[in-house]
Amino acid sequence: MRISHALAAAVLSTPVAIAAPAFAADYPSRPVSIVVPYAPGGATDFSARLVAQALQKQSGGTFIVENVPGAGTTIGAGKVARAVPDGYTLLWGGLSSNAMAPNLYSKLGFDGIKSFEPISMIATQPYVLIVGAGSPYRTLAELTAKAKAAPGKLNFASPGEGSSPHLTTEMILKATNISAQHVPYKGAAPAMTALIAGDVDFFVDTPTAPLPMIKAGRVRPLAVTSAQRLPELPDVPTMQEAGLAGFEASAWFALFAPRGAPADVVAALNKMVNTVLKDPAVVARMSQASFNVAPSTPTELADTVKSESAKWGKIIKDRNIRLE
């Protein structure tokens, strides 16, 4: 998931004016590190920096984004799980780190649920199923008909084995009862390049990178995985509208502390995050990068992690996907 430097600069350079409500009197009294388990420059990193900036303006404290990428988000998540639970090391976690990775890897050293203190959901992003501009497929039905007529002949790209786009594609294959060959790439950019070049038949990704390609006519969207159509793609049906009853999948991002963080600090952080995510300026800037803000209570986030872990754990088990 990449976001243009121009958009990032425009978004992050605009001041965020947020009222500063009273929180725990002495928090934060020193810099807070938000560990992002992705490389700098992507949409996830952008969203973390936007929220960190807003938290800093609101609290008067210092919130620093620390990029710790690698091993499918598990290096960064593991670092936070082992950190001192004082509220000064946080995880910009979510679907990959807290729900998928614990079901993919047999030896992680942390538990996606038990190792973290949930603070608040941050945002969600749906996925979009795309094909190249020269593809003969214009609907999900046409794609699945070809796949059923020639089992295993079609192939699909992903940003890597076990990535959320890979597992979402596996969910689509299961729902449509078709088979296709997986071609993993080292990131979304080379996967998109392969799709445009015609090296692969289809690709599932969050909207940030595909939208400019769609507008430029270089790729064609067939369906989105959200329950409602995307405002940016009003003519593109949802998976449910395309015939997959009940199908819904979204990437999501949330803030966590190590298990055992002080309850008053968790409550203060939750209040700060919820205030930030209700600010119209922040909402607008997140929307520019195709994020839907989704503030929550810690309990609501805990319930989401449990349900998402069960949902994706079943997909991973059914499709026999394991990573070492």
C-alpha atoms as a PDB file:
ATOM      1  CA  MET A   1       0.000   0.000   0.000  1.00  0.00           C
ATOM      2  CA  ARG A   2       1.760   3.153  -1.227  1.00  0.00           C
ATOM      3  CA  ILE A   3       0.677   6.733  -0.921  1.00  0.00           C
ATOM      4  CA  SER A   4       2.074   9.542  -3.058  1.00  0.00           C
ATOM      5  CA  HIS A   5       4.662  11.812  -1.466  1.00  0.00           C
ATOM      6  CA  ALA A   6       2.619  14.792  -2.650  1.00  0.00           C
ATOM      7  CA  LEU A   7      -0.518  13.608  -0.874  1.00  0.00           C
ATOM      8  CA  ALA A   8       1.399  12.709   2.269  1.00  0.00           C
ATOM      9  CA  ALA A   9       3.102  16.095   2.323  1.00  0.00           C
ATOM     10  CA  ALA A  10      -0.182  17.934   1.756  1.00  0.00           C
ATOM     11  CA  VAL A  11      -1.966  15.978   4.428  1.00  0.00           C
ATOM     12  CA  LEU A  12       0.723  16.154   7.069  1.00  0.00           C
ATOM     13  CA  SER A  13       1.589  19.794   6.502  1.00  0.00           C
ATOM     14  CA  THR A  14      -1.908  21.057   7.297  1.00  0.00           C
ATOM     15  CA  PRO A  15      -2.290  21.970  10.986  1.00  0.00           C
ATOM     16  CA  VAL A  16      -4.620  19.906  13.131  1.00  0.00           C
ATOM     17  CA  ALA A  17      -6.653  22.064  15.510  1.00  0.00           C
ATOM     18  CA  ILE A  18      -7.984  19.858  18.305  1.00  0.00           C
ATOM     19  CA  ALA A  19      -9.189  20.930  21.716  1.00  0.00           C
ATOM     20  CA  ALA A  20      -7.069  19.492  24.519  1.00  0.00           C
ATOM     21  CA  PRO A  21      -9.295  17.803  27.097  1.00  0.00           C
ATOM     22  CA  ALA A  22      -7.925  16.823  30.479  1.00  0.00           C
ATOM     23  CA  PHE A  23      -6.307  13.374  30.696  1.00  0.00           C
ATOM     24  CA  ALA A  24      -4.175  11.514  33.235  1.00  0.00           C
ATOM     25  CA  ALA A  25      -2.270  14.356  34.854  1.00  0.00           C
ATOM     26  CA  ASP A  26       1.247  13.070  34.208  1.00  0.00           C
ATOM     27  CA  TYR A  27       0.755  11.207  30.907  1.00  0.00           C
ATOM     28  CA  PRO A  28       2.674  11.450  28.731  1.00  0.00           C
ATOM     29  CA  SER A  29       5.615  12.761  30.732  1.00  0.00           C
ATOM     30  CA  ARG A  30       8.190  11.542  28.186  1.00  0.00           C
ATOM     31  CA  PRO A  31       8.151  10.544  24.485  1.00  0.00           C
ATOM     32  CA  VAL A  32       5.742   7.782  23.457  1.00  0.00           C
ATOM     33  CA  SER A  33       6.922   5.404  20.733  1.00  0.00           C
ATOM     34  CA  ILE A  34       4.298   4.085  18.293  1.00  0.00           C
ATOM     35  CA  VAL A  35       5.808   1.024  16.623  1.00  0.00           C
ATOM     36  CA  VAL A  36       4.583   0.594  13.056  1.00  0.00           C
ATOM     37  CA  PRO A  37       5.451  -2.921  11.798  1.00  0.00           C
ATOM     38  CA  TYR A  38       5.753  -1.699   8.201  1.00  0.00           C
ATOM     39  CA  ALA A  39       8.400   0.159   6.215  1.00  0.00           C
ATOM     40  CA  PRO A  40       8.202   3.955   5.943  1.00  0.00           C
ATOM     41  CA  GLY A  41       6.322   5.524   3.049  1.00  0.00           C
ATOM     42  CA  GLY A  42       3.243   3.339   2.742  1.00  0.00           C
ATOM     43  CA  ALA A  43      -0.356   4.197   3.510  1.00  0.00           C
ATOM     44  CA  THR A  44      -0.209   2.458   6.889  1.00  0.00           C
ATOM     45  CA  ASP A  45       2.854   4.467   7.892  1.00  0.00           C
ATOM     46  CA  PHE A  46       1.156   7.641   6.650  1.00  0.00           C
ATOM     47  CA  SER A  47      -1.944   7.033   8.764  1.00  0.00           C
ATOM     48  CA  ALA A  48       0.145   6.342  11.868  1.00  0.00           C
ATOM     49  CA  ARG A  49       2.105   9.573  11.403  1.00  0.00           C
ATOM     50  CA  LEU A  50      -1.086  11.560  10.896  1.00  0.00           C
ATOM     51  CA  VAL A  51      -2.597  10.233  14.128  1.00  0.00           C
ATOM     52  CA  ALA A  52       0.682  10.603  16.034  1.00  0.00           C
ATOM     53  CA  GLN A  53       0.873  14.227  14.927  1.00  0.00           C
ATOM     54  CA  ALA A  54      -2.701  14.844  16.079  1.00  0.00           C
ATOM     55  CA  LEU A  55      -2.089  13.113  19.432  1.00  0.00           C
ATOM     56  CA  GLN A  56       0.983  15.245  19.957  1.00  0.00           C
ATOM     57  CA  LYS A  57      -0.873  18.484  19.251  1.00  0.00           C
ATOM     58  CA  GLN A  58      -3.725  17.445  21.503  1.00  0.00           C
ATOM     59  CA  SER A  59      -1.741  16.226  24.521  1.00  0.00           C
ATOM     60  CA  GLY A  60       1.291  18.481  24.350  1.00  0.00           C
ATOM     61  CA  GLY A  61       3.424  15.341  24.653  1.00  0.00           C
ATOM     62  CA  THR A  62       5.714  13.712  22.106  1.00  0.00           C
ATOM     63  CA  PHE A  63       4.517  10.779  19.991  1.00  0.00           C
ATOM     64  CA  ILE A  64       7.178   9.240  17.759  1.00  0.00           C
ATOM     65  CA  VAL A  65       6.514   6.763  14.950  1.00  0.00           C
ATOM     66  CA  GLU A  66       9.108   3.975  14.929  1.00  0.00           C
ATOM     67  CA  ASN A  67       9.107   1.765  11.829  1.00  0.00           C
ATOM     68  CA  VAL A  68      10.028  -1.838  12.631  1.00  0.00           C
ATOM     69  CA  PRO A  69       9.154  -3.831   9.482  1.00  0.00           C
ATOM     70  CA  GLY A  70       9.848  -7.463   8.667  1.00  0.00           C
ATOM     71  CA  ALA A  71       8.540 -11.021   8.854  1.00  0.00           C
ATOM     72  CA  GLY A  72       4.941 -10.135   8.068  1.00  0.00           C
ATOM     73  CA  THR A  73       4.597  -7.521  10.871  1.00  0.00           C
ATOM     74  CA  THR A  74       5.813  -9.977  13.534  1.00  0.00           C
ATOM     75  CA  ILE A  75       9.122  -8.257  14.332  1.00  0.00           C
ATOM     76  CA  GLY A  76       7.473  -4.976  15.265  1.00  0.00           C
ATOM     77  CA  ALA A  77       4.606  -6.642  17.102  1.00  0.00           C
ATOM     78  CA  GLY A  78       7.028  -8.844  19.015  1.00  0.00           C
ATOM     79  CA  LYS A  79       9.047  -5.822  20.088  1.00  0.00           C
ATOM     80  CA  VAL A  80       5.969  -4.203  21.620  1.00  0.00           C
ATOM     81  CA  ALA A  81       4.814  -7.447  23.252  1.00  0.00           C
ATOM     82  CA  ARG A  82       8.171  -7.628  25.074  1.00  0.00           C
ATOM     83  CA  ALA A  83       8.296  -3.923  25.988  1.00  0.00           C
ATOM     84  CA  VAL A  84       7.829  -2.555  29.498  1.00  0.00           C
ATOM     85  CA  PRO A  85       4.031  -2.201  29.926  1.00  0.00           C
ATOM     86  CA  ASP A  86       4.084   1.433  31.009  1.00  0.00           C
ATOM     87  CA  GLY A  87       2.194   2.980  28.094  1.00  0.00           C
ATOM     88  CA  TYR A  88       5.268   4.483  26.443  1.00  0.00           C
ATOM     89  CA  THR A  89       5.675   1.801  23.767  1.00  0.00           C
ATOM     90  CA  LEU A  90       2.579   1.214  21.635  1.00  0.00           C
ATOM     91  CA  LEU A  91       1.780  -0.956  18.625  1.00  0.00           C
ATOM     92  CA  TRP A  92       0.100   0.291  15.464  1.00  0.00           C
ATOM     93  CA  GLY A  93      -1.335  -3.193  15.058  1.00  0.00           C
ATOM     94  CA  GLY A  94      -4.267  -4.680  13.244  1.00  0.00           C
ATOM     95  CA  LEU A  95      -5.424  -7.449  10.964  1.00  0.00           C
ATOM     96  CA  SER A  96      -1.995  -8.753   9.934  1.00  0.00           C
ATOM     97  CA  SER A  97      -0.175  -8.499  13.265  1.00  0.00           C
ATOM     98  CA  ASN A  98      -2.958  -9.430  15.684  1.00  0.00           C
ATOM     99  CA  ALA A  99      -5.314 -11.745  13.766  1.00  0.00           C
ATOM    100  CA  MET A 100      -3.468 -13.297  10.816  1.00  0.00           C
ATOM    101  CA  ALA A 101       0.170 -13.697  11.912  1.00  0.00           C
ATOM    102  CA  PRO A 102      -0.633 -15.613  15.126  1.00  0.00           C
ATOM    103  CA  ASN A 103      -2.490 -18.171  12.992  1.00  0.00           C
ATOM    104  CA  LEU A 104       0.192 -18.313  10.295  1.00  0.00           C
ATOM    105  CA  TYR A 105       3.363 -18.720  12.357  1.00  0.00           C
ATOM    106  CA  SER A 106       3.913 -21.626  14.722  1.00  0.00           C
ATOM    107  CA  LYS A 107       6.671 -19.926  16.766  1.00  0.00           C
ATOM    108  CA  LEU A 108       5.972 -16.252  17.298  1.00  0.00           C
ATOM    109  CA  GLY A 109       6.878 -15.567  20.899  1.00  0.00           C
ATOM    110  CA  PHE A 110       3.701 -13.532  21.398  1.00  0.00           C
ATOM    111  CA  ASP A 111      -0.057 -14.003  21.255  1.00  0.00           C
ATOM    112  CA  GLY A 112      -2.118 -11.633  19.121  1.00  0.00           C
ATOM    113  CA  ILE A 113      -4.771 -11.405  21.839  1.00  0.00           C
ATOM    114  CA  LYS A 114      -3.154 -12.179  25.187  1.00  0.00           C
ATOM    115  CA  SER A 115       0.080 -10.221  24.696  1.00  0.00           C
ATOM    116  CA  PHE A 116      -1.565  -6.838  24.141  1.00  0.00           C
ATOM    117  CA  GLU A 117      -3.802  -4.360  25.900  1.00  0.00           C
ATOM    118  CA  PRO A 118      -6.371  -3.051  23.399  1.00  0.00           C
ATOM    119  CA  ILE A 119      -6.684   0.743  23.287  1.00  0.00           C
ATOM    120  CA  SER A 120      -8.837   1.688  20.293  1.00  0.00           C
ATOM    121  CA  MET A 121      -9.620   0.746  16.732  1.00  0.00           C
ATOM    122  CA  ILE A 122      -8.208   3.360  14.361  1.00  0.00           C
ATOM    123  CA  ALA A 123      -9.489   2.737  10.850  1.00  0.00           C
ATOM    124  CA  THR A 124     -10.573   0.186   8.274  1.00  0.00           C
ATOM    125  CA  GLN A 125      -9.886  -0.276   4.565  1.00  0.00           C
ATOM    126  CA  PRO A 126     -11.746  -2.584   2.183  1.00  0.00           C
ATOM    127  CA  TYR A 127     -10.059  -4.465  -0.642  1.00  0.00           C
ATOM    128  CA  VAL A 128     -10.679  -4.174  -4.353  1.00  0.00           C
ATOM    129  CA  LEU A 129     -10.371  -7.013  -6.873  1.00  0.00           C
ATOM    130  CA  ILE A 130      -8.659  -5.738 -10.013  1.00  0.00           C
ATOM    131  CA  VAL A 131      -7.555  -7.067 -13.406  1.00  0.00           C
ATOM    132  CA  GLY A 132      -5.327  -5.507 -16.057  1.00  0.00           C
ATOM    133  CA  ALA A 133      -6.787  -3.093 -18.603  1.00  0.00           C
ATOM    134  CA  GLY A 134      -6.293  -5.690 -21.335  1.00  0.00           C
ATOM    135  CA  SER A 135      -8.015  -8.475 -19.399  1.00  0.00           C
ATOM    136  CA  PRO A 136     -11.062 -10.122 -20.995  1.00  0.00           C
ATOM    137  CA  TYR A 137     -12.811 -10.245 -17.605  1.00  0.00           C
ATOM    138  CA  ARG A 138     -15.224  -7.434 -16.788  1.00  0.00           C
ATOM    139  CA  THR A 139     -17.147  -9.022 -13.916  1.00  0.00           C
ATOM    140  CA  LEU A 140     -16.457 -11.406 -11.057  1.00  0.00           C
ATOM    141  CA  ALA A 141     -18.815 -13.879 -12.754  1.00  0.00           C
ATOM    142  CA  GLU A 142     -16.718 -13.877 -15.932  1.00  0.00           C
ATOM    143  CA  LEU A 143     -13.516 -14.413 -13.953  1.00  0.00           C
ATOM    144  CA  THR A 144     -14.950 -17.289 -11.935  1.00  0.00           C
ATOM    145  CA  ALA A 145     -16.509 -18.896 -15.021  1.00  0.00           C
ATOM    146  CA  LYS A 146     -13.084 -19.016 -16.687  1.00  0.00           C
ATOM    147  CA  ALA A 147     -11.465 -20.369 -13.528  1.00  0.00           C
ATOM    148  CA  LYS A 148     -14.065 -23.150 -13.303  1.00  0.00           C
ATOM    149  CA  ALA A 149     -13.694 -24.005 -16.990  1.00  0.00           C
ATOM    150  CA  ALA A 150      -9.894 -24.227 -16.658  1.00  0.00           C
ATOM    151  CA  PRO A 151      -9.081 -25.146 -13.025  1.00  0.00           C
ATOM    152  CA  GLY A 152      -5.726 -23.849 -11.837  1.00  0.00           C
ATOM    153  CA  LYS A 153      -4.944 -22.046 -15.101  1.00  0.00           C
ATOM    154  CA  LEU A 154      -5.485 -18.518 -13.805  1.00  0.00           C
ATOM    155  CA  ASN A 155      -2.980 -16.908 -11.453  1.00  0.00           C
ATOM    156  CA  PHE A 156      -3.085 -14.058  -8.980  1.00  0.00           C
ATOM    157  CA  ALA A 157      -0.533 -11.688  -7.478  1.00  0.00           C
ATOM    158  CA  SER A 158      -0.017 -10.770  -3.842  1.00  0.00           C
ATOM    159  CA  PRO A 159       2.471  -8.619  -1.895  1.00  0.00           C
ATOM    160  CA  GLY A 160       3.779 -11.811  -0.276  1.00  0.00           C
ATOM    161  CA  GLU A 161       2.916 -15.206   1.160  1.00  0.00           C
ATOM    162  CA  GLY A 162       0.569 -14.805   4.121  1.00  0.00           C
ATOM    163  CA  SER A 163      -0.088 -11.101   3.496  1.00  0.00           C
ATOM    164  CA  SER A 164      -3.613  -9.825   4.044  1.00  0.00           C
ATOM    165  CA  PRO A 165      -4.244  -9.438   0.269  1.00  0.00           C
ATOM    166  CA  HIS A 166      -3.082 -13.040  -0.215  1.00  0.00           C
ATOM    167  CA  LEU A 167      -5.386 -14.385   2.481  1.00  0.00           C
ATOM    168  CA  THR A 168      -8.288 -12.238   1.271  1.00  0.00           C
ATOM    169  CA  THR A 169      -7.815 -13.726  -2.200  1.00  0.00           C
ATOM    170  CA  GLU A 170      -7.840 -17.203  -0.662  1.00  0.00           C
ATOM    171  CA  MET A 171     -11.135 -16.255   0.996  1.00  0.00           C
ATOM    172  CA  ILE A 172     -12.519 -15.254  -2.422  1.00  0.00           C
ATOM    173  CA  LEU A 173     -11.315 -18.517  -3.993  1.00  0.00           C
ATOM    174  CA  LYS A 174     -13.039 -20.491  -1.256  1.00  0.00           C
ATOM    175  CA  ALA A 175     -16.270 -18.491  -1.540  1.00  0.00           C
ATOM    176  CA  THR A 176     -16.399 -18.920  -5.331  1.00  0.00           C
ATOM    177  CA  ASN A 177     -15.174 -22.538  -5.237  1.00  0.00           C
ATOM    178  CA  ILE A 178     -12.426 -21.901  -7.783  1.00  0.00           C
ATOM    179  CA  SER A 179      -8.681 -22.546  -7.865  1.00  0.00           C
ATOM    180  CA  ALA A 180      -5.878 -20.271  -9.086  1.00  0.00           C
ATOM    181  CA  GLN A 181      -2.104 -20.196  -8.816  1.00  0.00           C
ATOM    182  CA  HIS A 182      -0.591 -17.844  -6.261  1.00  0.00           C
ATOM    183  CA  VAL A 183       2.331 -15.670  -7.443  1.00  0.00           C
ATOM    184  CA  PRO A 184       3.796 -13.809  -4.434  1.00  0.00           C
ATOM    185  CA  TYR A 185       5.839 -10.659  -4.981  1.00  0.00           C
ATOM    186  CA  LYS A 186       7.994  -8.615  -2.626  1.00  0.00           C
ATOM    187  CA  GLY A 187       5.452  -5.891  -2.042  1.00  0.00           C
ATOM    188  CA  ALA A 188       2.346  -4.393  -3.605  1.00  0.00           C
ATOM    189  CA  ALA A 189       4.237  -2.245  -6.148  1.00  0.00           C
ATOM    190  CA  PRO A 190       5.829  -5.157  -8.058  1.00  0.00           C
ATOM    191  CA  ALA A 191       2.540  -7.075  -7.832  1.00  0.00           C
ATOM    192  CA  MET A 192       0.741  -4.137  -9.456  1.00  0.00           C
ATOM    193  CA  THR A 193       3.437  -3.916 -12.134  1.00  0.00           C
ATOM    194  CA  ALA A 194       2.983  -7.599 -12.923  1.00  0.00           C
ATOM    195  CA  LEU A 195      -0.781  -7.153 -13.235  1.00  0.00           C
ATOM    196  CA  ILE A 196      -0.438  -4.209 -15.585  1.00  0.00           C
ATOM    197  CA  ALA A 197       2.107  -6.145 -17.679  1.00  0.00           C
ATOM    198  CA  GLY A 198      -0.291  -9.080 -17.977  1.00  0.00           C
ATOM    199  CA  ASP A 199       1.964 -11.486 -16.072  1.00  0.00           C
ATOM    200  CA  VAL A 200      -0.877 -12.323 -13.663  1.00  0.00           C
ATOM    201  CA  ASP A 201      -4.642 -12.461 -14.122  1.00  0.00           C
ATOM    202  CA  PHE A 202      -5.904 -10.680 -11.011  1.00  0.00           C
ATOM    203  CA  PHE A 203      -4.848  -8.950  -7.824  1.00  0.00           C
ATOM    204  CA  VAL A 204      -6.561  -7.958  -4.557  1.00  0.00           C
ATOM    205  CA  ASP A 205      -5.313  -4.873  -2.705  1.00  0.00           C
ATOM    206  CA  THR A 206      -6.533  -2.039  -0.510  1.00  0.00           C
ATOM    207  CA  PRO A 207      -7.701   0.973  -2.588  1.00  0.00           C
ATOM    208  CA  THR A 208      -4.791   3.365  -2.003  1.00  0.00           C
ATOM    209  CA  ALA A 209      -2.527   2.135  -4.809  1.00  0.00           C
ATOM    210  CA  PRO A 210      -5.183   0.821  -7.247  1.00  0.00           C
ATOM    211  CA  LEU A 211      -7.322   3.999  -7.351  1.00  0.00           C
ATOM    212  CA  PRO A 212      -4.844   6.093  -9.385  1.00  0.00           C
ATOM    213  CA  MET A 213      -4.292   3.119 -11.712  1.00  0.00           C
ATOM    214  CA  ILE A 214      -8.039   2.686 -12.133  1.00  0.00           C
ATOM    215  CA  LYS A 215      -8.507   6.370 -12.915  1.00  0.00           C
ATOM    216  CA  ALA A 216      -5.646   6.188 -15.426  1.00  0.00           C
ATOM    217  CA  GLY A 217      -7.295   3.216 -17.154  1.00  0.00           C
ATOM    218  CA  ARG A 218      -4.371   0.876 -16.462  1.00  0.00           C
ATOM    219  CA  VAL A 219      -6.356  -1.601 -14.352  1.00  0.00           C
ATOM    220  CA  ARG A 220     -10.054  -2.487 -14.101  1.00  0.00           C
ATOM    221  CA  PRO A 221     -11.957  -3.063 -10.832  1.00  0.00           C
ATOM    222  CA  LEU A 222     -14.357  -6.011 -10.685  1.00  0.00           C
ATOM    223  CA  ALA A 223     -15.644  -5.818  -7.111  1.00  0.00           C
ATOM    224  CA  VAL A 224     -14.948  -4.452  -3.637  1.00  0.00           C
ATOM    225  CA  THR A 225     -14.973  -6.503  -0.443  1.00  0.00           C
ATOM    226  CA  SER A 226     -16.844  -4.030   1.769  1.00  0.00           C
ATOM    227  CA  ALA A 227     -20.542  -4.328   2.571  1.00  0.00           C
ATOM    228  CA  GLN A 228     -21.196  -1.027   0.767  1.00  0.00           C
ATOM    229  CA  ARG A 229     -19.800   0.359  -2.465  1.00  0.00           C
ATOM    230  CA  LEU A 230     -16.877   2.739  -2.231  1.00  0.00           C
ATOM    231  CA  PRO A 231     -17.657   6.423  -2.819  1.00  0.00           C
ATOM    232  CA  GLU A 232     -14.585   6.586  -5.070  1.00  0.00           C
ATOM    233  CA  LEU A 233     -15.864   3.641  -7.155  1.00  0.00           C
ATOM    234  CA  PRO A 234     -19.657   4.080  -7.198  1.00  0.00           C
ATOM    235  CA  ASP A 235     -20.124   1.858 -10.269  1.00  0.00           C
ATOM    236  CA  VAL A 236     -18.152  -1.086  -8.875  1.00  0.00           C
ATOM    237  CA  PRO A 237     -20.299  -3.720  -7.129  1.00  0.00           C
ATOM    238  CA  THR A 238     -19.583  -5.250  -3.763  1.00  0.00           C
ATOM    239  CA  MET A 239     -18.751  -8.939  -3.577  1.00  0.00           C
ATOM    240  CA  GLN A 240     -22.223  -9.473  -2.145  1.00  0.00           C
ATOM    241  CA  GLU A 241     -23.819  -7.695  -5.105  1.00  0.00           C
ATOM    242  CA  ALA A 242     -21.633  -9.773  -7.413  1.00  0.00           C
ATOM    243  CA  GLY A 243     -23.145 -12.960  -6.013  1.00  0.00           C
ATOM    244  CA  LEU A 244     -21.175 -13.849  -2.862  1.00  0.00           C
ATOM    245  CA  ALA A 245     -23.792 -13.627  -0.134  1.00  0.00           C
ATOM    246  CA  GLY A 246     -22.442 -12.418   3.203  1.00  0.00           C
ATOM    247  CA  PHE A 247     -18.913 -11.838   1.902  1.00  0.00           C
ATOM    248  CA  GLU A 248     -17.090  -9.031   3.669  1.00  0.00           C
ATOM    249  CA  ALA A 249     -13.399  -8.438   4.359  1.00  0.00           C
ATOM    250  CA  SER A 250     -11.476  -5.352   5.397  1.00  0.00           C
ATOM    251  CA  ALA A 251      -8.016  -4.458   6.558  1.00  0.00           C
ATOM    252  CA  TRP A 252      -8.093  -2.721   9.918  1.00  0.00           C
ATOM    253  CA  PHE A 253      -5.624  -0.897  12.120  1.00  0.00           C
ATOM    254  CA  ALA A 254      -5.695  -0.327  15.852  1.00  0.00           C
ATOM    255  CA  LEU A 255      -3.601   0.897  18.759  1.00  0.00           C
ATOM    256  CA  PHE A 256      -2.357  -1.529  21.414  1.00  0.00           C
ATOM    257  CA  ALA A 257      -0.120  -1.417  24.479  1.00  0.00           C
ATOM    258  CA  PRO A 258       1.772  -4.368  25.968  1.00  0.00           C
ATOM    259  CA  ARG A 259      -0.394  -6.492  28.254  1.00  0.00           C
ATOM    260  CA  GLY A 260      -0.370  -5.083  31.767  1.00  0.00           C
ATOM    261  CA  ALA A 261      -0.263  -1.399  30.829  1.00  0.00           C
ATOM    262  CA  PRO A 262      -1.855   0.770  33.561  1.00  0.00           C
ATOM    263  CA  ALA A 263      -5.633   1.013  33.230  1.00  0.00           C
ATOM    264  CA  ASP A 264      -5.618   4.798  33.638  1.00  0.00           C
ATOM    265  CA  VAL A 265      -3.082   5.181  30.833  1.00  0.00           C
ATOM    266  CA  VAL A 266      -5.136   2.918  28.545  1.00  0.00           C
ATOM    267  CA  ALA A 267      -8.242   4.964  29.375  1.00  0.00           C
ATOM    268  CA  ALA A 268      -6.389   8.227  28.698  1.00  0.00           C
ATOM    269  CA  LEU A 269      -5.064   6.956  25.367  1.00  0.00           C
ATOM    270  CA  ASN A 270      -8.495   5.708  24.355  1.00  0.00           C
ATOM    271  CA  LYS A 271     -10.013   9.105  25.081  1.00  0.00           C
ATOM    272  CA  MET A 272      -7.233  10.867  23.152  1.00  0.00           C
ATOM    273  CA  VAL A 273      -7.584   8.582  20.120  1.00  0.00           C
ATOM    274  CA  ASN A 274     -11.358   8.863  20.070  1.00  0.00           C
ATOM    275  CA  THR A 275     -11.121  12.651  20.235  1.00  0.00           C
ATOM    276  CA  VAL A 276      -8.591  12.713  17.383  1.00  0.00           C
ATOM    277  CA  LEU A 277     -10.649  10.398  15.188  1.00  0.00           C
ATOM    278  CA  LYS A 278     -13.754  12.561  15.558  1.00  0.00           C
ATOM    279  CA  ASP A 279     -11.954  15.674  14.363  1.00  0.00           C
ATOM    280  CA  PRO A 280     -13.264  16.582  10.867  1.00  0.00           C
ATOM    281  CA  ALA A 281      -9.788  17.498   9.594  1.00  0.00           C
ATOM    282  CA  VAL A 282      -8.325  14.133  10.587  1.00  0.00           C
ATOM    283  CA  VAL A 283     -11.315  12.279   9.153  1.00  0.00           C
ATOM    284  CA  ALA A 284     -10.939  14.127   5.853  1.00  0.00           C
ATOM    285  CA  ARG A 285      -7.231  13.402   5.590  1.00  0.00           C
ATOM    286  CA  MET A 286      -7.690   9.746   6.422  1.00  0.00           C
ATOM    287  CA  SER A 287     -10.422   9.578   3.794  1.00  0.00           C
ATOM    288  CA  GLN A 288      -8.009  10.974   1.206  1.00  0.00           C
ATOM    289  CA  ALA A 289      -5.948   7.811   1.667  1.00  0.00           C
ATOM    290  CA  SER A 290      -9.060   5.568   1.577  1.00  0.00           C
ATOM    291  CA  PHE A 291      -9.179   4.979   5.338  1.00  0.00           C
ATOM    292  CA  ASN A 292     -12.502   4.912   7.177  1.00  0.00           C
ATOM    293  CA  VAL A 293     -11.973   6.043  10.765  1.00  0.00           C
ATOM    294  CA  ALA A 294     -13.459   3.662  13.327  1.00  0.00           C
ATOM    295  CA  PRO A 295     -12.911   4.774  16.936  1.00  0.00           C
ATOM    296  CA  SER A 296     -13.878   2.205  19.561  1.00  0.00           C
ATOM    297  CA  THR A 297     -13.710   1.278  23.204  1.00  0.00           C
ATOM    298  CA  PRO A 298     -10.980  -1.126  24.377  1.00  0.00           C
ATOM    299  CA  THR A 299     -13.651  -3.791  24.891  1.00  0.00           C
ATOM    300  CA  GLU A 300     -14.976  -3.368  21.357  1.00  0.00           C
ATOM    301  CA  LEU A 301     -11.451  -3.691  19.976  1.00  0.00           C
ATOM    302  CA  ALA A 302     -10.826  -6.811  22.071  1.00  0.00           C
ATOM    303  CA  ASP A 303     -13.996  -8.371  20.649  1.00  0.00           C
ATOM    304  CA  THR A 304     -12.908  -7.475  17.109  1.00  0.00           C
ATOM    305  CA  VAL A 305      -9.493  -9.091  17.565  1.00  0.00           C
ATOM    306  CA  LYS A 306     -11.079 -12.284  18.864  1.00  0.00           C
ATOM    307  CA  SER A 307     -13.651 -12.537  16.065  1.00  0.00           C
ATOM    308  CA  GLU A 308     -11.152 -11.644  13.333  1.00  0.00           C
ATOM    309  CA  SER A 309      -8.609 -14.121  14.678  1.00  0.00           C
ATOM    310  CA  ALA A 310     -11.224 -16.883  14.578  1.00  0.00           C
ATOM    311  CA  LYS A 311     -12.394 -15.885  11.083  1.00  0.00           C
ATOM    312  CA  TRP A 312      -8.949 -15.763   9.504  1.00  0.00           C
ATOM    313  CA  GLY A 313      -7.669 -18.707  11.496  1.00  0.00           C
ATOM    314  CA  LYS A 314     -10.330 -20.832   9.819  1.00  0.00           C
ATOM    315  CA  ILE A 315      -9.363 -19.567   6.343  1.00  0.00           C
ATOM    316  CA  ILE A 316      -5.683 -20.263   7.051  1.00  0.00           C
ATOM    317  CA  LYS A 317      -6.446 -23.751   8.319  1.00  0.00           C
ATOM    318  CA  ASP A 318      -8.862 -24.586   5.486  1.00  0.00           C
ATOM    319  CA  ARG A 319      -6.376 -23.403   2.844  1.00  0.00           C
ATOM    320  CA  ASN A 320      -3.465 -25.124   4.636  1.00  0.00           C
ATOM    321  CA  ILE A 321      -1.240 -22.016   4.760  1.00  0.00           C
ATOM    322  CA  ARG A 322       1.609 -22.014   7.260  1.00  0.00           C
ATOM    323  CA  LEU A 323       4.746 -19.896   7.584  1.00  0.00           C
ATOM    324  CA  GLU A 324       7.933 -20.500   9.520  1.00  0.00           C
END
